[in-house]
Amino acid sequence: MALVDMIMPKMGESIMECTVIQWLKKPGERIDADDSILEVATDKVDTEVPATYSGVLKECLVHDGDVVPIGAPIARIETEETVEQEEIPVPAAKAPESVSEPEHHSADGDVLEAARGLEASISSMRTRPDLAQVTSFEGRFYSPLVLNIAREEGISRDELDRIPGSGAENRLTKKDILAYVEGREFVVESKAVQPSSPTPKPSAPTPPSSAQSINGQSDIIQMDRMRKLIAQRMVESKQISPHVSSFVETDMTAIVQWRTKIKDDFKRQTGENLTYTPILIEALVKAIKDFPMINVSVDGDRILVKKSINIGMAVALPSGNLIVPVIHDADQYNLVGLTKKVNDLSKRARENKLTADDLANGTYTMSNIGTFGNVMGTPIILQPQVAIMAFGAIVKKPAVIETPQGDLIGIRQLMFLSHSYDHRVVDGSLGGQFVKRVSDYLEGFDTARKL
């Protein structure tokens, strides 16, 4: 038997720490490698952490609500395997020590900005592994995730200090502050009307109604946090990039007929449902290889040409919001592999099980707006990328068919491709040629291909 320490794994680029939401396994339980044992939150996504060893979970070294640096020990596992691991000091589980004058570090500018945005008197963020938490003058500890949410929701320090916490030592967790935000739609307005009234300490947050009406003429619905972020990113993209759009109508008849014929066999052989999305992504990847200058980003007056082809795909969530998981190295997959990735990412996106890495480092984005019956659109670029393509609905239309014997009128399955691009670095020539090349690959689809 060997007693080994499991450390907090890397959660994604630039993420230095995360907040423990809850343990999914209890001490004494038998666990297998890759079993999910706890759920954590970062400033980007909630995710489950898998066990790195098989054995018995002997001790949980962190608790619900704790802020844990990446690389810090989080659990002890008794395993029969001989394990080589880094020598990491394992501190005794205890409450964090108070610091009279927190040190300032600039390693995480976003966190510092969040702290300053709450109030100048909030203690600065501490990003060293041994100082992974933040304290206010009231002695309350706040995670970087909580501070970021508070900043975005306009919650002051005094208001933050009054929110009940469900974590260790009344620690405020992500769930606590989001539940509070949902129940405070009109708190700010109420304070403005009655400034002299003392503000009572809030009890458990009350769920908001779906809509409220002020004068009977308009219903008011408060944006949730994700919708606010989407709004902010879209406005920023329009301010950063001069958008230009080009359109091409593509004959999808051969692909429609091939998919109709092959989809049942595809399901039996692979266990996956074949949609149009992986076929569209395959054509995009081929076109990007032909036009690598579409796979770039802008850094000041420099153009960064990406070697990897990482395709983001917009996924509509049950809440009505939008998220863009990324297929990394999409050029390394065949059609079956792309189908598996598309279905997996779509499923986990709708179940809120994406990791931070699933959303990082996209180089080009596509949106299948045809899913909603839309024939054409002008998508907004996802920064810092320089282009995005929307695929419309496939619609039966009369069309001219050219044959060696002459032109005919026939019924064809047609689809519009809408390409938006950043005119700072992508001119009409490149943007127009690229969308036409995607169309050419779709129209030239090999219907004799084998799975």
Protein backbone atom coordinates (compact mmCIF):
# COMPACT_ATOMS: atom_id res chain seq x y z
CA MET A 1 0.00 0.00 0.00
CA ALA A 2 1.16 3.53 -0.76
CA LEU A 3 -0.33 6.82 0.35
CA VAL A 4 -0.09 9.37 -2.47
CA ASP A 5 -1.13 12.98 -2.82
CA MET A 6 -3.42 14.04 -5.65
CA ILE A 7 -2.80 17.61 -6.77
CA MET A 8 -5.14 20.11 -8.38
CA PRO A 9 -4.64 19.61 -12.14
CA LYS A 10 -4.21 22.38 -14.68
CA MET A 11 -7.60 23.82 -15.64
CA GLY A 12 -6.60 25.72 -18.74
CA GLU A 13 -4.36 28.45 -19.99
CA SER A 14 -3.96 31.43 -17.58
CA ILE A 15 -6.02 29.77 -14.82
CA MET A 16 -3.96 29.83 -11.61
CA GLU A 17 -6.54 28.70 -9.05
CA CYS A 18 -10.08 27.45 -8.66
CA THR A 19 -12.85 27.25 -6.08
CA VAL A 20 -14.05 23.92 -4.71
CA ILE A 21 -17.82 23.63 -5.21
CA GLN A 22 -18.40 20.20 -3.71
CA TRP A 23 -16.81 16.78 -3.21
CA LEU A 24 -18.44 13.99 -5.22
CA LYS A 25 -16.66 11.21 -3.27
CA LYS A 26 -16.25 10.75 0.49
CA PRO A 27 -13.24 9.53 2.49
CA GLY A 28 -13.23 5.75 2.65
CA GLU A 29 -14.81 5.29 -0.79
CA ARG A 30 -13.14 3.20 -3.44
CA ILE A 31 -12.28 5.22 -6.57
CA ASP A 32 -10.90 4.39 -9.98
CA ALA A 33 -8.55 6.54 -12.05
CA ASP A 34 -10.57 9.07 -14.08
CA ASP A 35 -13.57 8.89 -11.72
CA SER A 36 -14.87 12.40 -11.01
CA ILE A 37 -14.21 13.10 -7.33
CA LEU A 38 -14.93 16.82 -6.91
CA GLU A 39 -16.48 19.76 -8.74
CA VAL A 40 -14.63 23.07 -9.00
CA ALA A 41 -15.27 26.52 -10.50
CA THR A 42 -12.87 28.79 -12.35
CA ASP A 43 -13.57 32.25 -13.71
CA LYS A 44 -14.47 30.60 -17.03
CA VAL A 45 -16.35 27.38 -16.38
CA ASP A 46 -17.50 24.85 -13.78
CA THR A 47 -15.94 21.41 -14.21
CA GLU A 48 -15.41 18.05 -12.53
CA VAL A 49 -11.92 16.89 -11.51
CA PRO A 50 -11.07 13.22 -12.21
CA ALA A 51 -8.97 11.06 -9.87
CA THR A 52 -5.39 10.54 -11.02
CA TYR A 53 -4.98 7.22 -9.17
CA SER A 54 -7.08 4.17 -8.35
CA GLY A 55 -7.49 3.19 -4.72
CA VAL A 56 -9.25 4.40 -1.59
CA LEU A 57 -9.87 8.08 -0.89
CA LYS A 58 -8.32 8.45 2.57
CA GLU A 59 -8.51 12.21 3.17
CA CYS A 60 -9.84 15.38 1.57
CA LEU A 61 -7.26 18.13 2.10
CA VAL A 62 -9.53 20.97 0.89
CA HIS A 63 -13.15 21.77 1.64
CA ASP A 64 -16.19 23.16 -0.13
CA GLY A 65 -15.66 26.86 -0.83
CA ASP A 66 -11.86 26.72 -0.55
CA VAL A 67 -9.77 28.50 -3.17
CA VAL A 68 -7.03 26.12 -4.29
CA PRO A 69 -3.96 26.97 -6.40
CA ILE A 70 -3.19 24.80 -9.40
CA GLY A 71 -0.62 22.19 -8.33
CA ALA A 72 -1.60 22.20 -4.65
CA PRO A 73 -2.46 18.88 -2.89
CA ILE A 74 -6.21 18.29 -2.63
CA ALA A 75 -6.55 14.65 -1.52
CA ARG A 76 -4.68 11.61 -0.22
CA ILE A 77 -5.32 8.31 -1.93
CA GLU A 78 -4.27 4.88 -0.69
CA THR A 79 -3.22 2.85 -3.70
CA GLU A 80 -1.55 -0.49 -4.29
CA GLU A 81 0.40 0.93 -7.22
CA THR A 82 3.96 2.19 -6.99
CA VAL A 83 3.62 5.85 -7.84
CA GLU A 84 6.32 8.38 -8.57
CA GLN A 85 5.19 11.90 -7.82
CA GLU A 86 6.65 15.31 -7.29
CA GLU A 87 7.59 16.22 -3.77
CA ILE A 88 4.97 18.75 -2.83
CA PRO A 89 4.66 19.87 0.79
CA VAL A 90 1.30 18.86 2.22
CA PRO A 91 0.14 21.42 4.79
CA ALA A 92 -2.18 20.36 7.58
CA ALA A 93 -5.78 21.15 6.86
CA LYS A 94 -6.52 24.35 8.76
CA ALA A 95 -8.23 27.67 8.39
CA PRO A 96 -6.24 30.24 6.39
CA GLU A 97 -4.21 32.65 8.46
CA SER A 98 -5.14 36.30 8.51
CA VAL A 99 -2.69 38.75 6.97
CA SER A 100 -2.60 42.26 8.34
CA GLU A 101 -1.35 43.87 5.13
CA PRO A 102 -1.90 41.71 2.05
CA GLU A 103 0.86 41.87 -0.54
CA HIS A 104 0.20 43.14 -4.09
CA HIS A 105 1.13 40.94 -7.04
CA SER A 106 0.56 41.69 -10.71
CA ALA A 107 0.56 38.11 -12.03
CA ASP A 108 -3.20 38.10 -12.51
CA GLY A 109 -4.30 41.44 -13.87
CA ASP A 110 -7.91 40.38 -14.25
CA VAL A 111 -8.18 39.49 -10.55
CA LEU A 112 -6.54 42.76 -9.44
CA GLU A 113 -8.89 44.70 -11.69
CA ALA A 114 -11.83 42.88 -10.15
CA ALA A 115 -10.67 43.72 -6.65
CA ARG A 116 -10.16 47.38 -7.50
CA GLY A 117 -13.55 47.49 -9.23
CA LEU A 118 -15.33 46.43 -6.02
CA GLU A 119 -13.83 49.17 -3.88
CA ALA A 120 -10.40 50.67 -3.28
CA SER A 121 -10.44 49.41 0.28
CA ILE A 122 -10.77 45.71 -0.65
CA SER A 123 -7.56 43.83 -0.02
CA SER A 124 -5.46 43.07 -3.10
CA MET A 125 -5.30 39.62 -4.64
CA ARG A 126 -2.56 37.25 -3.52
CA THR A 127 -1.52 34.88 -6.28
CA ARG A 128 1.37 32.98 -4.67
CA PRO A 129 0.49 29.33 -3.98
CA ASP A 130 0.82 29.91 -0.23
CA LEU A 131 -1.37 33.04 -0.36
CA ALA A 132 -4.24 31.93 -2.56
CA GLN A 133 -7.06 33.89 -1.02
CA VAL A 134 -8.34 37.40 -0.65
CA THR A 135 -9.56 39.15 2.47
CA SER A 136 -11.44 42.34 3.02
CA PHE A 137 -11.03 44.66 6.02
CA GLU A 138 -13.95 42.82 7.57
CA GLY A 139 -11.97 39.57 7.60
CA ARG A 140 -14.15 37.90 4.96
CA PHE A 141 -12.40 35.71 2.39
CA TYR A 142 -13.36 35.96 -1.30
CA SER A 143 -12.21 33.86 -4.24
CA PRO A 144 -11.14 35.49 -7.54
CA LEU A 145 -14.23 33.99 -9.17
CA VAL A 146 -16.55 35.62 -6.62
CA LEU A 147 -14.78 38.98 -7.01
CA ASN A 148 -15.08 38.84 -10.79
CA ILE A 149 -18.82 38.12 -10.58
CA ALA A 150 -19.27 40.90 -8.01
CA ARG A 151 -17.46 43.38 -10.24
CA GLU A 152 -19.57 42.45 -13.29
CA GLU A 153 -22.82 42.64 -11.30
CA GLY A 154 -21.94 45.97 -9.64
CA ILE A 155 -22.01 44.58 -6.10
CA SER A 156 -20.28 46.87 -3.59
CA ARG A 157 -18.04 45.68 -0.76
CA ASP A 158 -20.67 46.40 1.88
CA GLU A 159 -23.29 44.50 -0.07
CA LEU A 160 -20.87 41.63 -0.67
CA ASP A 161 -20.10 41.38 3.04
CA ARG A 162 -23.79 40.94 3.84
CA ILE A 163 -24.40 37.96 1.52
CA PRO A 164 -24.64 34.70 3.51
CA GLY A 165 -22.08 32.07 2.48
CA SER A 166 -22.51 28.31 2.43
CA GLY A 167 -18.79 27.48 2.26
CA ALA A 168 -16.33 26.78 5.03
CA GLU A 169 -16.32 29.54 7.70
CA ASN A 170 -19.25 31.25 5.94
CA ARG A 171 -17.15 31.46 2.74
CA LEU A 172 -19.05 32.90 -0.22
CA THR A 173 -19.19 30.40 -3.09
CA LYS A 174 -20.07 30.88 -6.74
CA LYS A 175 -23.50 29.36 -6.17
CA ASP A 176 -24.15 31.76 -3.28
CA ILE A 177 -23.38 34.92 -5.21
CA LEU A 178 -25.19 33.81 -8.38
CA ALA A 179 -28.28 32.93 -6.35
CA TYR A 180 -28.06 36.34 -4.69
CA VAL A 181 -27.70 38.11 -8.06
CA GLU A 182 -30.84 36.40 -9.34
CA GLY A 183 -32.79 37.73 -6.36
CA ARG A 184 -31.54 41.34 -6.37
CA GLU A 185 -32.90 42.65 -9.68
CA PHE A 186 -34.18 45.89 -8.19
CA VAL A 187 -32.04 46.29 -5.06
CA VAL A 188 -30.06 49.22 -6.51
CA GLU A 189 -33.19 51.04 -7.63
CA SER A 190 -34.82 50.55 -4.22
CA LYS A 191 -31.81 52.05 -2.46
CA ALA A 192 -31.91 55.10 -4.72
CA VAL A 193 -35.57 55.77 -3.86
CA GLN A 194 -35.15 55.29 -0.10
CA PRO A 195 -31.57 56.32 0.73
CA SER A 196 -32.33 56.90 4.40
CA SER A 197 -33.82 53.49 5.04
CA PRO A 198 -31.49 51.03 6.75
CA THR A 199 -30.63 48.05 4.55
CA PRO A 200 -31.62 44.82 6.28
CA LYS A 201 -29.28 41.89 6.29
CA PRO A 202 -30.59 39.60 3.49
CA SER A 203 -31.78 36.14 4.34
CA ALA A 204 -31.78 33.31 1.82
CA PRO A 205 -32.05 34.77 -1.72
CA THR A 206 -35.53 34.69 -3.20
CA PRO A 207 -35.92 33.43 -6.75
CA PRO A 208 -36.94 36.16 -9.20
CA SER A 209 -40.00 36.02 -11.40
CA SER A 210 -39.34 35.56 -15.09
CA ALA A 211 -40.41 39.13 -15.80
CA GLN A 212 -41.53 42.19 -13.86
CA SER A 213 -43.54 45.14 -15.02
CA ILE A 214 -43.13 48.75 -13.88
CA ASN A 215 -46.02 50.52 -15.61
CA GLY A 216 -47.92 47.72 -17.30
CA GLN A 217 -46.53 48.69 -20.70
CA SER A 218 -43.21 46.86 -20.58
CA ASP A 219 -41.90 43.73 -18.89
CA ILE A 220 -38.38 43.91 -17.45
CA ILE A 221 -36.17 40.84 -17.47
CA GLN A 222 -32.75 41.06 -15.85
CA MET A 223 -29.88 39.67 -17.94
CA ASP A 224 -28.11 36.71 -16.39
CA ARG A 225 -24.33 36.72 -16.09
CA MET A 226 -23.68 34.79 -19.31
CA ARG A 227 -25.95 37.07 -21.33
CA LYS A 228 -24.09 40.11 -19.98
CA LEU A 229 -20.77 38.58 -21.00
CA ILE A 230 -22.08 37.76 -24.48
CA ALA A 231 -23.37 41.32 -24.88
CA GLN A 232 -20.04 42.76 -23.77
CA ARG A 233 -18.01 40.52 -26.10
CA MET A 234 -20.22 41.27 -29.11
CA VAL A 235 -20.02 45.03 -28.61
CA GLU A 236 -16.24 44.80 -28.16
CA SER A 237 -15.89 42.78 -31.36
CA LYS A 238 -17.82 45.36 -33.38
CA GLN A 239 -15.66 48.12 -31.90
CA ILE A 240 -12.42 46.26 -32.62
CA SER A 241 -13.05 44.78 -36.07
CA PRO A 242 -14.50 46.48 -39.17
CA HIS A 243 -16.84 43.69 -40.26
CA VAL A 244 -17.34 42.84 -43.94
CA SER A 245 -19.56 40.00 -45.18
CA SER A 246 -19.56 37.88 -48.34
CA PHE A 247 -22.18 35.32 -49.40
CA VAL A 248 -22.19 32.25 -51.60
CA GLU A 249 -25.07 29.90 -52.44
CA THR A 250 -23.99 26.25 -52.45
CA ASP A 251 -25.58 23.20 -54.01
CA MET A 252 -25.79 20.63 -51.20
CA THR A 253 -27.82 18.06 -53.16
CA ALA A 254 -25.06 15.43 -53.32
CA ILE A 255 -24.31 15.74 -49.59
CA VAL A 256 -28.00 15.55 -48.63
CA GLN A 257 -28.49 12.42 -50.72
CA TRP A 258 -25.28 10.82 -49.38
CA ARG A 259 -26.17 11.54 -45.74
CA THR A 260 -29.71 10.22 -46.21
CA LYS A 261 -28.30 6.99 -47.64
CA ILE A 262 -25.46 6.49 -45.15
CA LYS A 263 -26.73 7.82 -41.80
CA ASP A 264 -28.27 4.55 -40.57
CA ASP A 265 -25.13 2.52 -41.38
CA PHE A 266 -23.04 5.30 -39.85
CA LYS A 267 -25.03 5.03 -36.62
CA ARG A 268 -24.65 1.23 -36.50
CA GLN A 269 -20.91 1.30 -37.19
CA THR A 270 -19.89 4.24 -35.01
CA GLY A 271 -22.71 4.67 -32.50
CA GLU A 272 -22.92 8.35 -33.51
CA ASN A 273 -25.61 10.41 -35.24
CA LEU A 274 -24.26 11.98 -38.42
CA THR A 275 -25.31 15.64 -38.70
CA TYR A 276 -24.25 18.19 -41.30
CA THR A 277 -21.96 20.03 -38.86
CA PRO A 278 -18.90 17.71 -39.12
CA ILE A 279 -19.22 17.74 -42.92
CA LEU A 280 -19.21 21.55 -42.88
CA ILE A 281 -16.23 21.64 -40.52
CA GLU A 282 -14.32 19.25 -42.78
CA ALA A 283 -14.81 21.64 -45.72
CA LEU A 284 -13.73 24.59 -43.57
CA VAL A 285 -10.53 22.83 -42.54
CA LYS A 286 -9.62 22.07 -46.16
CA ALA A 287 -10.20 25.69 -47.16
CA ILE A 288 -8.13 27.01 -44.23
CA LYS A 289 -5.21 24.89 -45.43
CA ASP A 290 -5.57 26.56 -48.83
CA PHE A 291 -5.85 30.06 -47.32
CA PRO A 292 -3.78 30.09 -44.08
CA MET A 293 -4.06 33.89 -43.77
CA ILE A 294 -7.69 33.42 -42.69
CA ASN A 295 -6.40 31.47 -39.65
CA VAL A 296 -4.77 34.45 -37.95
CA SER A 297 -5.21 36.96 -35.14
CA VAL A 298 -4.13 40.59 -34.77
CA ASP A 299 -1.76 41.87 -32.09
CA GLY A 300 -1.36 45.62 -32.53
CA ASP A 301 0.32 46.02 -35.91
CA ARG A 302 1.39 42.37 -36.06
CA ILE A 303 -0.44 39.46 -37.68
CA LEU A 304 -0.12 36.14 -35.83
CA VAL A 305 -0.49 33.20 -38.22
CA LYS A 306 -1.75 30.15 -36.33
CA LYS A 307 -0.18 26.77 -37.05
CA SER A 308 -3.01 24.84 -35.41
CA ILE A 309 -6.49 24.74 -36.93
CA ASN A 310 -8.86 24.94 -33.97
CA ILE A 311 -12.50 25.25 -35.05
CA GLY A 312 -14.99 26.76 -32.63
CA MET A 313 -18.64 25.84 -33.11
CA ALA A 314 -21.44 27.93 -31.66
CA VAL A 315 -23.84 25.88 -29.52
CA ALA A 316 -27.22 27.19 -28.35
CA LEU A 317 -27.90 26.33 -24.70
CA PRO A 318 -31.28 25.44 -23.16
CA SER A 319 -31.15 28.79 -21.32
CA GLY A 320 -31.15 30.62 -24.64
CA ASN A 321 -27.52 31.66 -24.27
CA LEU A 322 -24.63 30.73 -26.53
CA ILE A 323 -21.30 29.02 -25.93
CA VAL A 324 -18.46 28.15 -28.34
CA PRO A 325 -16.55 24.93 -27.58
CA VAL A 326 -13.47 24.29 -29.71
CA ILE A 327 -12.33 21.28 -31.74
CA HIS A 328 -8.56 21.51 -31.34
CA ASP A 329 -6.38 20.33 -34.26
CA ALA A 330 -9.50 19.73 -36.35
CA ASP A 331 -7.32 18.91 -39.35
CA GLN A 332 -6.13 15.74 -37.58
CA TYR A 333 -9.59 14.11 -37.60
CA ASN A 334 -11.41 12.20 -40.30
CA LEU A 335 -15.17 12.55 -40.70
CA VAL A 336 -15.91 9.91 -38.06
CA GLY A 337 -13.56 11.63 -35.59
CA LEU A 338 -15.11 15.04 -36.27
CA THR A 339 -18.58 13.58 -35.73
CA LYS A 340 -17.58 12.16 -32.37
CA LYS A 341 -16.03 15.49 -31.29
CA VAL A 342 -19.02 17.54 -32.46
CA ASN A 343 -21.52 15.31 -30.68
CA ASP A 344 -19.45 15.11 -27.50
CA LEU A 345 -18.86 18.86 -27.22
CA SER A 346 -22.50 19.67 -28.04
CA LYS A 347 -23.77 17.24 -25.41
CA ARG A 348 -21.40 18.45 -22.69
CA ALA A 349 -22.13 22.10 -23.53
CA ARG A 350 -25.86 21.58 -22.96
CA GLU A 351 -25.16 19.67 -19.73
CA ASN A 352 -22.78 22.40 -18.43
CA LYS A 353 -19.88 19.93 -18.35
CA LEU A 354 -17.37 21.71 -20.56
CA THR A 355 -13.88 22.35 -19.18
CA ALA A 356 -11.90 25.57 -19.57
CA ASP A 357 -9.69 23.87 -22.16
CA ASP A 358 -12.77 23.04 -24.25
CA LEU A 359 -13.35 26.78 -24.75
CA ALA A 360 -9.75 27.94 -25.27
CA ASN A 361 -7.55 28.77 -28.26
CA GLY A 362 -10.07 28.74 -31.11
CA THR A 363 -8.65 30.07 -34.41
CA TYR A 364 -11.80 30.10 -36.59
CA THR A 365 -15.50 29.80 -35.73
CA MET A 366 -18.54 28.42 -37.51
CA SER A 367 -22.24 28.72 -36.70
CA ASN A 368 -24.90 26.41 -38.11
CA ILE A 369 -27.82 28.84 -38.14
CA GLY A 370 -29.71 26.55 -40.51
CA THR A 371 -30.63 24.54 -37.42
CA PHE A 372 -33.14 27.30 -36.63
CA GLY A 373 -34.49 27.56 -40.17
CA ASN A 374 -32.46 30.70 -40.99
CA VAL A 375 -31.28 30.93 -44.59
CA MET A 376 -28.65 33.63 -44.13
CA GLY A 377 -26.98 35.74 -41.43
CA THR A 378 -24.14 38.13 -40.67
CA PRO A 379 -22.29 36.58 -37.71
CA ILE A 380 -20.08 38.63 -35.40
CA ILE A 381 -16.41 37.69 -35.15
CA LEU A 382 -15.24 36.01 -31.96
CA GLN A 383 -12.16 37.97 -30.88
CA PRO A 384 -9.21 37.67 -31.34
CA GLN A 385 -10.09 35.66 -34.46
CA VAL A 386 -10.55 37.49 -37.76
CA ALA A 387 -13.38 35.56 -39.43
CA ILE A 388 -16.50 33.50 -38.81
CA MET A 389 -18.84 31.60 -41.13
CA ALA A 390 -22.55 30.92 -40.76
CA PHE A 391 -24.23 28.06 -42.64
CA GLY A 392 -27.89 28.58 -43.45
CA ALA A 393 -30.77 26.17 -43.86
CA ILE A 394 -30.73 23.73 -46.76
CA VAL A 395 -33.76 24.60 -48.89
CA LYS A 396 -35.21 22.95 -51.99
CA LYS A 397 -35.27 25.44 -54.88
CA PRO A 398 -35.64 25.41 -58.65
CA ALA A 399 -32.22 25.91 -60.20
CA VAL A 400 -30.48 25.86 -63.56
CA ILE A 401 -28.55 22.61 -64.03
CA GLU A 402 -25.78 22.68 -66.63
CA THR A 403 -25.29 19.45 -68.57
CA PRO A 404 -23.31 18.55 -71.73
CA GLN A 405 -26.64 18.31 -73.51
CA GLY A 406 -27.73 21.79 -72.38
CA ASP A 407 -29.19 23.61 -69.41
CA LEU A 408 -32.12 22.20 -67.49
CA ILE A 409 -34.37 23.39 -64.68
CA GLY A 410 -34.40 21.07 -61.68
CA ILE A 411 -35.02 20.91 -57.94
CA ARG A 412 -31.78 21.29 -55.94
CA GLN A 413 -30.91 21.47 -52.23
CA LEU A 414 -29.32 24.91 -51.81
CA MET A 415 -27.67 26.59 -48.83
CA PHE A 416 -26.23 30.06 -48.24
CA LEU A 417 -22.77 30.49 -46.73
CA SER A 418 -22.32 33.82 -44.88
CA HIS A 419 -18.72 34.86 -44.22
CA SER A 420 -17.89 37.80 -41.89
CA TYR A 421 -14.27 38.91 -41.72
CA ASP A 422 -12.05 41.59 -40.20
CA HIS A 423 -11.23 44.13 -42.91
CA ARG A 424 -8.12 45.24 -41.03
CA VAL A 425 -6.30 42.14 -42.27
CA VAL A 426 -8.75 40.29 -44.56
CA ASP A 427 -9.66 42.08 -47.78
CA GLY A 428 -12.61 41.24 -50.00
CA SER A 429 -10.41 39.14 -52.26
CA LEU A 430 -9.27 36.77 -49.51
CA GLY A 431 -12.62 36.77 -47.72
CA GLY A 432 -14.54 36.10 -50.93
CA GLN A 433 -12.15 33.44 -52.24
CA PHE A 434 -12.23 31.61 -48.92
CA VAL A 435 -16.01 31.28 -48.72
CA LYS A 436 -16.11 30.23 -52.39
CA ARG A 437 -13.47 27.55 -51.70
CA VAL A 438 -15.56 26.16 -48.83
CA SER A 439 -18.50 26.04 -51.22
CA ASP A 440 -16.38 24.24 -53.85
CA TYR A 441 -15.37 21.56 -51.36
CA LEU A 442 -19.00 21.01 -50.36
CA GLU A 443 -20.22 20.80 -53.95
CA GLY A 444 -17.32 18.47 -54.81
CA PHE A 445 -18.04 16.13 -51.88
CA ASP A 446 -17.03 12.53 -52.67
CA THR A 447 -20.23 10.51 -52.37
CA ALA A 448 -18.32 7.27 -53.01
CA ARG A 449 -16.18 7.67 -49.88
CA LYS A 450 -16.03 4.88 -47.34
CA LEU A 451 -16.51 5.31 -43.60
